[in-house]
Amino acid sequence: MSYKMIQENLKKIKNTIPEEVTLVAVSKTKPVADLQKAYDAGQRVFGENKIQEMVDKYTQLPKDIQWHMIGHLQSNKVKYMAHFVNLIHGVDKLKTLTVINKEAKKHDRVIDCLLQAKIAKEETKFGLSFSAIEEILNSEDFLALQNINIVGFMGMATFTENTEQLEEEFSSLKHFFDTQKKQKKLPNCNLNILSMGMSGDYPLAIKNGSTMVRVGSAIFGNRNYN
């Protein structure tokens, strides 16, 4: 895609989101050249869903980029990104947090993470129930993890045209987020990010309290999975 097109797409999206909402440019499957064009147009936050692909791009692109791991996490690959990843979105197990903590410690880092809540009605979506999230945050094992910081929650809504259903899913997570934010005062849990909304539904997610949106095809065009 041309620089002008990517630049125009980014400008259009940034004009529709409030200043306090972070735009994550979802760059999975896109060539390094396209990411560089987005970078040249001012974008600094990129999201990848495969660790190896993110590592390859990290080595080739400017070092002031913030890299977000947004895909479902394979614990055995955390070590490859532990030295540079800025935020891990889709954590849905205490065991995964333990692995991230161990790898972060090796690099003398504290890695920011989001716990993924299951808000969609679809079976294929990953995520924890609200009660399972509370269970993790209230556990002794969690409190012992000093090299991770839970900075918020992430949720993916159902893939549907039904805006009422989407609103219901987004607002349920916003309500849970607000409740936990009031209650949780832990050294490794500082809730300030609510990551909801993608290319198709981000305006509705923002309306319902999202502070971070993940947008790919609306910036880079359709993905090529071949």
C-alpha atoms as a PDB file:
ATOM      1  CA  MET A   1       0.000   0.000   0.000  1.00  0.00           C
ATOM      2  CA  SER A   2       1.257   3.507  -0.793  1.00  0.00           C
ATOM      3  CA  TYR A   3       2.547   5.865   1.895  1.00  0.00           C
ATOM      4  CA  LYS A   4      -0.149   8.422   1.005  1.00  0.00           C
ATOM      5  CA  MET A   5      -2.928   5.869   1.477  1.00  0.00           C
ATOM      6  CA  ILE A   6      -1.630   4.647   4.862  1.00  0.00           C
ATOM      7  CA  GLN A   7      -1.111   8.251   5.964  1.00  0.00           C
ATOM      8  CA  GLU A   8      -4.681   9.184   4.951  1.00  0.00           C
ATOM      9  CA  ASN A   9      -6.152   6.105   6.663  1.00  0.00           C
ATOM     10  CA  LEU A  10      -4.313   6.898   9.903  1.00  0.00           C
ATOM     11  CA  LYS A  11      -5.416  10.532   9.773  1.00  0.00           C
ATOM     12  CA  LYS A  12      -9.043   9.518   9.200  1.00  0.00           C
ATOM     13  CA  ILE A  13      -9.010   7.106  12.170  1.00  0.00           C
ATOM     14  CA  LYS A  14      -7.201   9.507  14.506  1.00  0.00           C
ATOM     15  CA  ASN A  15      -9.847  12.137  13.707  1.00  0.00           C
ATOM     16  CA  THR A  16     -12.536   9.741  14.973  1.00  0.00           C
ATOM     17  CA  ILE A  17     -10.922   8.787  18.279  1.00  0.00           C
ATOM     18  CA  PRO A  18     -10.429  11.001  21.356  1.00  0.00           C
ATOM     19  CA  GLU A  19      -6.887  12.031  22.278  1.00  0.00           C
ATOM     20  CA  GLU A  20      -6.863   9.889  25.407  1.00  0.00           C
ATOM     21  CA  VAL A  21      -7.583   6.695  23.418  1.00  0.00           C
ATOM     22  CA  THR A  22      -4.497   4.782  22.232  1.00  0.00           C
ATOM     23  CA  LEU A  23      -4.523   3.508  18.660  1.00  0.00           C
ATOM     24  CA  VAL A  24      -2.758   0.165  18.194  1.00  0.00           C
ATOM     25  CA  ALA A  25      -1.981  -0.388  14.499  1.00  0.00           C
ATOM     26  CA  VAL A  26      -2.510  -4.116  13.961  1.00  0.00           C
ATOM     27  CA  SER A  27       0.249  -5.006  11.537  1.00  0.00           C
ATOM     28  CA  LYS A  28       0.114  -8.826  11.500  1.00  0.00           C
ATOM     29  CA  THR A  29       0.933 -10.337   8.063  1.00  0.00           C
ATOM     30  CA  LYS A  30       1.903  -6.881   6.761  1.00  0.00           C
ATOM     31  CA  PRO A  31       5.384  -6.309   5.285  1.00  0.00           C
ATOM     32  CA  VAL A  32       7.970  -4.234   7.140  1.00  0.00           C
ATOM     33  CA  ALA A  33       7.726  -1.598   4.377  1.00  0.00           C
ATOM     34  CA  ASP A  34       4.071  -0.922   5.287  1.00  0.00           C
ATOM     35  CA  LEU A  35       4.919  -0.586   8.980  1.00  0.00           C
ATOM     36  CA  GLN A  36       7.707   1.839   8.099  1.00  0.00           C
ATOM     37  CA  LYS A  37       5.205   3.947   6.122  1.00  0.00           C
ATOM     38  CA  ALA A  38       2.839   4.035   9.113  1.00  0.00           C
ATOM     39  CA  TYR A  39       5.807   4.950  11.335  1.00  0.00           C
ATOM     40  CA  ASP A  40       6.773   7.771   8.948  1.00  0.00           C
ATOM     41  CA  ALA A  41       3.160   8.991   9.175  1.00  0.00           C
ATOM     42  CA  GLY A  42       3.558   9.262  12.980  1.00  0.00           C
ATOM     43  CA  GLN A  43       2.286   5.897  14.271  1.00  0.00           C
ATOM     44  CA  ARG A  44       4.348   4.471  17.148  1.00  0.00           C
ATOM     45  CA  VAL A  45       2.241   1.631  18.596  1.00  0.00           C
ATOM     46  CA  PHE A  46       2.013  -1.638  16.637  1.00  0.00           C
ATOM     47  CA  GLY A  47       0.259  -4.903  17.464  1.00  0.00           C
ATOM     48  CA  GLU A  48       1.291  -8.352  16.271  1.00  0.00           C
ATOM     49  CA  ASN A  49      -0.296 -11.710  16.990  1.00  0.00           C
ATOM     50  CA  LYS A  50       2.662 -14.018  16.322  1.00  0.00           C
ATOM     51  CA  ILE A  51       5.785 -13.661  18.446  1.00  0.00           C
ATOM     52  CA  GLN A  52       8.242 -14.692  15.724  1.00  0.00           C
ATOM     53  CA  GLU A  53       6.805 -12.190  13.261  1.00  0.00           C
ATOM     54  CA  MET A  54       7.003  -9.444  15.882  1.00  0.00           C
ATOM     55  CA  VAL A  55      10.627 -10.318  16.713  1.00  0.00           C
ATOM     56  CA  ASP A  56      11.581 -10.152  13.004  1.00  0.00           C
ATOM     57  CA  LYS A  57       9.945  -6.738  12.617  1.00  0.00           C
ATOM     58  CA  TYR A  58      11.433  -5.452  15.880  1.00  0.00           C
ATOM     59  CA  THR A  59      14.947  -6.150  14.596  1.00  0.00           C
ATOM     60  CA  GLN A  60      14.315  -4.211  11.363  1.00  0.00           C
ATOM     61  CA  LEU A  61      12.360  -1.167  12.535  1.00  0.00           C
ATOM     62  CA  PRO A  62      13.098   1.941  14.677  1.00  0.00           C
ATOM     63  CA  LYS A  63      13.594   1.263  18.361  1.00  0.00           C
ATOM     64  CA  ASP A  64      11.123   3.868  19.660  1.00  0.00           C
ATOM     65  CA  ILE A  65       8.210   1.701  18.489  1.00  0.00           C
ATOM     66  CA  GLN A  66       5.989   0.244  21.219  1.00  0.00           C
ATOM     67  CA  TRP A  67       5.287  -3.407  20.453  1.00  0.00           C
ATOM     68  CA  HIS A  68       2.049  -4.976  21.664  1.00  0.00           C
ATOM     69  CA  MET A  69       1.511  -8.721  21.591  1.00  0.00           C
ATOM     70  CA  ILE A  70      -2.196  -9.053  20.813  1.00  0.00           C
ATOM     71  CA  GLY A  71      -2.515 -12.704  19.781  1.00  0.00           C
ATOM     72  CA  HIS A  72      -3.216 -15.749  21.917  1.00  0.00           C
ATOM     73  CA  LEU A  73      -0.027 -16.481  23.798  1.00  0.00           C
ATOM     74  CA  GLN A  74       2.121 -19.612  23.634  1.00  0.00           C
ATOM     75  CA  SER A  75       4.022 -19.672  26.910  1.00  0.00           C
ATOM     76  CA  ASN A  76       7.093 -21.382  25.428  1.00  0.00           C
ATOM     77  CA  LYS A  77       7.689 -18.406  23.092  1.00  0.00           C
ATOM     78  CA  VAL A  78       7.504 -15.600  25.677  1.00  0.00           C
ATOM     79  CA  LYS A  79      11.310 -15.680  26.074  1.00  0.00           C
ATOM     80  CA  TYR A  80      11.813 -14.387  22.500  1.00  0.00           C
ATOM     81  CA  MET A  81      10.032 -11.085  23.174  1.00  0.00           C
ATOM     82  CA  ALA A  82      10.613 -10.573  26.910  1.00  0.00           C
ATOM     83  CA  HIS A  83      13.449  -8.090  26.345  1.00  0.00           C
ATOM     84  CA  PHE A  84      11.395  -5.596  24.302  1.00  0.00           C
ATOM     85  CA  VAL A  85       7.607  -6.143  24.354  1.00  0.00           C
ATOM     86  CA  ASN A  86       5.720  -3.150  25.809  1.00  0.00           C
ATOM     87  CA  LEU A  87       2.312  -4.676  26.477  1.00  0.00           C
ATOM     88  CA  ILE A  88       0.879  -8.204  26.316  1.00  0.00           C
ATOM     89  CA  HIS A  89      -2.879  -8.097  25.635  1.00  0.00           C
ATOM     90  CA  GLY A  90      -4.349 -11.562  25.744  1.00  0.00           C
ATOM     91  CA  VAL A  91      -3.316 -13.189  29.017  1.00  0.00           C
ATOM     92  CA  ASP A  92      -5.926 -15.696  30.157  1.00  0.00           C
ATOM     93  CA  LYS A  93      -4.050 -17.956  32.599  1.00  0.00           C
ATOM     94  CA  LEU A  94      -2.157 -17.477  35.857  1.00  0.00           C
ATOM     95  CA  LYS A  95       0.378 -19.981  34.522  1.00  0.00           C
ATOM     96  CA  THR A  96       1.091 -17.651  31.557  1.00  0.00           C
ATOM     97  CA  LEU A  97       1.625 -14.723  33.935  1.00  0.00           C
ATOM     98  CA  THR A  98       4.118 -16.859  35.872  1.00  0.00           C
ATOM     99  CA  VAL A  99       6.081 -17.546  32.663  1.00  0.00           C
ATOM    100  CA  ILE A 100       6.043 -13.847  31.666  1.00  0.00           C
ATOM    101  CA  ASN A 101       7.223 -12.944  35.181  1.00  0.00           C
ATOM    102  CA  LYS A 102      10.097 -15.439  34.992  1.00  0.00           C
ATOM    103  CA  GLU A 103      11.268 -14.180  31.576  1.00  0.00           C
ATOM    104  CA  ALA A 104      10.883 -10.505  32.569  1.00  0.00           C
ATOM    105  CA  LYS A 105      13.039 -11.124  35.644  1.00  0.00           C
ATOM    106  CA  LYS A 106      15.883 -12.428  33.458  1.00  0.00           C
ATOM    107  CA  HIS A 107      15.954  -9.030  31.710  1.00  0.00           C
ATOM    108  CA  ASP A 108      15.404  -7.048  34.922  1.00  0.00           C
ATOM    109  CA  ARG A 109      12.121  -5.732  33.547  1.00  0.00           C
ATOM    110  CA  VAL A 110       8.513  -5.391  34.672  1.00  0.00           C
ATOM    111  CA  ILE A 111       6.228  -6.310  31.770  1.00  0.00           C
ATOM    112  CA  ASP A 112       2.787  -4.712  31.496  1.00  0.00           C
ATOM    113  CA  CYS A 113      -0.051  -7.146  30.780  1.00  0.00           C
ATOM    114  CA  LEU A 114      -3.808  -7.106  30.188  1.00  0.00           C
ATOM    115  CA  LEU A 115      -6.031  -9.922  31.380  1.00  0.00           C
ATOM    116  CA  GLN A 116      -8.377 -11.057  28.631  1.00  0.00           C
ATOM    117  CA  ALA A 117     -12.028 -11.231  29.633  1.00  0.00           C
ATOM    118  CA  LYS A 118     -14.458 -13.373  27.668  1.00  0.00           C
ATOM    119  CA  ILE A 119     -17.320 -11.045  26.773  1.00  0.00           C
ATOM    120  CA  ALA A 120     -18.322 -12.541  23.390  1.00  0.00           C
ATOM    121  CA  LYS A 121     -21.070 -15.108  22.987  1.00  0.00           C
ATOM    122  CA  GLU A 122     -18.844 -17.055  20.577  1.00  0.00           C
ATOM    123  CA  GLU A 123     -17.225 -20.298  21.711  1.00  0.00           C
ATOM    124  CA  THR A 124     -14.114 -19.651  19.597  1.00  0.00           C
ATOM    125  CA  LYS A 125     -13.088 -16.547  21.539  1.00  0.00           C
ATOM    126  CA  PHE A 126     -10.537 -16.931  24.352  1.00  0.00           C
ATOM    127  CA  GLY A 127     -10.802 -15.241  27.710  1.00  0.00           C
ATOM    128  CA  LEU A 128     -11.564 -15.495  31.411  1.00  0.00           C
ATOM    129  CA  SER A 129     -14.884 -15.066  33.168  1.00  0.00           C
ATOM    130  CA  PHE A 130     -15.065 -12.043  35.482  1.00  0.00           C
ATOM    131  CA  SER A 131     -15.019 -14.344  38.515  1.00  0.00           C
ATOM    132  CA  ALA A 132     -11.881 -16.114  37.198  1.00  0.00           C
ATOM    133  CA  ILE A 133     -10.137 -12.739  36.810  1.00  0.00           C
ATOM    134  CA  GLU A 134     -11.030 -11.852  40.411  1.00  0.00           C
ATOM    135  CA  GLU A 135      -9.742 -15.230  41.549  1.00  0.00           C
ATOM    136  CA  ILE A 136      -6.369 -14.577  39.903  1.00  0.00           C
ATOM    137  CA  LEU A 137      -6.054 -11.039  41.274  1.00  0.00           C
ATOM    138  CA  ASN A 138      -6.955 -12.196  44.796  1.00  0.00           C
ATOM    139  CA  SER A 139      -4.547 -15.126  44.862  1.00  0.00           C
ATOM    140  CA  GLU A 140      -1.313 -15.360  46.844  1.00  0.00           C
ATOM    141  CA  ASP A 141       0.441 -16.750  43.744  1.00  0.00           C
ATOM    142  CA  PHE A 142      -0.423 -13.613  41.785  1.00  0.00           C
ATOM    143  CA  LEU A 143       0.802 -11.281  44.522  1.00  0.00           C
ATOM    144  CA  ALA A 144       4.187 -13.034  44.444  1.00  0.00           C
ATOM    145  CA  LEU A 145       4.773 -11.991  40.795  1.00  0.00           C
ATOM    146  CA  GLN A 146       6.959  -8.904  41.005  1.00  0.00           C
ATOM    147  CA  ASN A 147       8.030  -8.625  37.359  1.00  0.00           C
ATOM    148  CA  ILE A 148       4.599  -8.223  35.811  1.00  0.00           C
ATOM    149  CA  ASN A 149       2.086  -5.399  36.130  1.00  0.00           C
ATOM    150  CA  ILE A 150      -1.589  -5.892  35.274  1.00  0.00           C
ATOM    151  CA  VAL A 151      -2.504  -2.542  33.745  1.00  0.00           C
ATOM    152  CA  GLY A 152      -6.019  -3.400  32.606  1.00  0.00           C
ATOM    153  CA  PHE A 153      -8.344  -5.726  30.760  1.00  0.00           C
ATOM    154  CA  MET A 154      -8.907  -6.668  27.135  1.00  0.00           C
ATOM    155  CA  GLY A 155     -12.101  -7.971  25.574  1.00  0.00           C
ATOM    156  CA  MET A 156     -13.202  -9.006  22.093  1.00  0.00           C
ATOM    157  CA  ALA A 157     -16.876  -8.625  21.307  1.00  0.00           C
ATOM    158  CA  THR A 158     -18.981 -11.012  19.242  1.00  0.00           C
ATOM    159  CA  PHE A 159     -18.587 -10.669  15.471  1.00  0.00           C
ATOM    160  CA  THR A 160     -22.083  -9.340  14.811  1.00  0.00           C
ATOM    161  CA  GLU A 161     -24.017  -6.444  13.267  1.00  0.00           C
ATOM    162  CA  ASN A 162     -26.234  -6.323  16.359  1.00  0.00           C
ATOM    163  CA  THR A 163     -25.189  -3.060  18.046  1.00  0.00           C
ATOM    164  CA  GLU A 164     -27.330  -3.726  21.124  1.00  0.00           C
ATOM    165  CA  GLN A 165     -25.436  -6.940  21.773  1.00  0.00           C
ATOM    166  CA  LEU A 166     -22.077  -5.214  21.203  1.00  0.00           C
ATOM    167  CA  GLU A 167     -23.011  -2.387  23.591  1.00  0.00           C
ATOM    168  CA  GLU A 168     -24.037  -4.931  26.199  1.00  0.00           C
ATOM    169  CA  GLU A 169     -20.734  -6.813  25.888  1.00  0.00           C
ATOM    170  CA  PHE A 170     -18.570  -3.678  25.959  1.00  0.00           C
ATOM    171  CA  SER A 171     -20.467  -2.055  28.838  1.00  0.00           C
ATOM    172  CA  SER A 172     -20.305  -5.238  30.936  1.00  0.00           C
ATOM    173  CA  LEU A 173     -16.498  -5.163  30.757  1.00  0.00           C
ATOM    174  CA  LYS A 174     -16.390  -1.413  31.433  1.00  0.00           C
ATOM    175  CA  HIS A 175     -18.514  -1.919  34.555  1.00  0.00           C
ATOM    176  CA  PHE A 176     -16.275  -4.757  35.750  1.00  0.00           C
ATOM    177  CA  PHE A 177     -13.146  -2.682  35.015  1.00  0.00           C
ATOM    178  CA  ASP A 178     -14.493   0.290  37.022  1.00  0.00           C
ATOM    179  CA  THR A 179     -15.406  -1.939  39.968  1.00  0.00           C
ATOM    180  CA  GLN A 180     -11.987  -3.618  40.047  1.00  0.00           C
ATOM    181  CA  LYS A 181     -10.185  -0.299  39.647  1.00  0.00           C
ATOM    182  CA  LYS A 182     -11.859   0.981  42.828  1.00  0.00           C
ATOM    183  CA  GLN A 183     -11.129  -2.201  44.799  1.00  0.00           C
ATOM    184  CA  LYS A 184      -7.671  -3.274  43.690  1.00  0.00           C
ATOM    185  CA  LYS A 185      -4.713  -1.631  45.387  1.00  0.00           C
ATOM    186  CA  LEU A 186      -1.874  -4.044  44.676  1.00  0.00           C
ATOM    187  CA  PRO A 187       1.799  -3.401  43.819  1.00  0.00           C
ATOM    188  CA  ASN A 188       1.505  -5.462  40.603  1.00  0.00           C
ATOM    189  CA  CYS A 189      -2.005  -4.396  39.542  1.00  0.00           C
ATOM    190  CA  ASN A 190      -2.576  -0.797  38.420  1.00  0.00           C
ATOM    191  CA  LEU A 191      -5.672  -0.703  36.255  1.00  0.00           C
ATOM    192  CA  ASN A 192      -5.785   2.120  33.708  1.00  0.00           C
ATOM    193  CA  ILE A 193      -6.258   0.466  30.281  1.00  0.00           C
ATOM    194  CA  LEU A 194      -9.434  -0.978  28.825  1.00  0.00           C
ATOM    195  CA  SER A 195      -8.641  -2.474  25.422  1.00  0.00           C
ATOM    196  CA  MET A 196     -11.843  -3.028  23.429  1.00  0.00           C
ATOM    197  CA  GLY A 197     -12.734  -2.445  19.800  1.00  0.00           C
ATOM    198  CA  MET A 198     -11.308  -3.331  16.394  1.00  0.00           C
ATOM    199  CA  SER A 199     -11.710  -2.023  12.823  1.00  0.00           C
ATOM    200  CA  GLY A 200     -15.409  -2.915  12.650  1.00  0.00           C
ATOM    201  CA  ASP A 201     -16.626  -1.838  16.089  1.00  0.00           C
ATOM    202  CA  TYR A 202     -14.121   0.575  17.662  1.00  0.00           C
ATOM    203  CA  PRO A 203     -16.416   3.690  17.629  1.00  0.00           C
ATOM    204  CA  LEU A 204     -18.968   1.755  19.701  1.00  0.00           C
ATOM    205  CA  ALA A 205     -16.230   0.419  22.001  1.00  0.00           C
ATOM    206  CA  ILE A 206     -14.971   3.975  22.642  1.00  0.00           C
ATOM    207  CA  LYS A 207     -18.537   5.133  23.349  1.00  0.00           C
ATOM    208  CA  ASN A 208     -18.644   2.398  26.000  1.00  0.00           C
ATOM    209  CA  GLY A 209     -15.408   3.336  27.723  1.00  0.00           C
ATOM    210  CA  SER A 210     -12.548   1.782  25.727  1.00  0.00           C
ATOM    211  CA  THR A 211      -9.187   3.523  26.172  1.00  0.00           C
ATOM    212  CA  MET A 212      -7.314   1.439  23.579  1.00  0.00           C
ATOM    213  CA  VAL A 213      -8.427   0.224  20.142  1.00  0.00           C
ATOM    214  CA  ARG A 214      -6.817  -2.318  17.833  1.00  0.00           C
ATOM    215  CA  VAL A 215      -7.209  -1.347  14.177  1.00  0.00           C
ATOM    216  CA  GLY A 216      -5.627  -3.200  11.254  1.00  0.00           C
ATOM    217  CA  SER A 217      -7.472  -3.459   7.958  1.00  0.00           C
ATOM    218  CA  ALA A 218      -8.782   0.125   8.191  1.00  0.00           C
ATOM    219  CA  ILE A 219      -5.116   1.263   8.161  1.00  0.00           C
ATOM    220  CA  PHE A 220      -3.285  -1.317   6.030  1.00  0.00           C
ATOM    221  CA  GLY A 221      -6.078  -2.807   3.918  1.00  0.00           C
ATOM    222  CA  ASN A 222      -7.174  -6.444   3.975  1.00  0.00           C
ATOM    223  CA  ARG A 223      -4.730  -9.022   5.269  1.00  0.00           C
ATOM    224  CA  ASN A 224      -2.961 -11.552   3.140  1.00  0.00           C
ATOM    225  CA  TYR A 225      -2.884 -14.927   4.907  1.00  0.00           C
ATOM    226  CA  ASN A 226      -1.230 -16.824   2.049  1.00  0.00           C
END
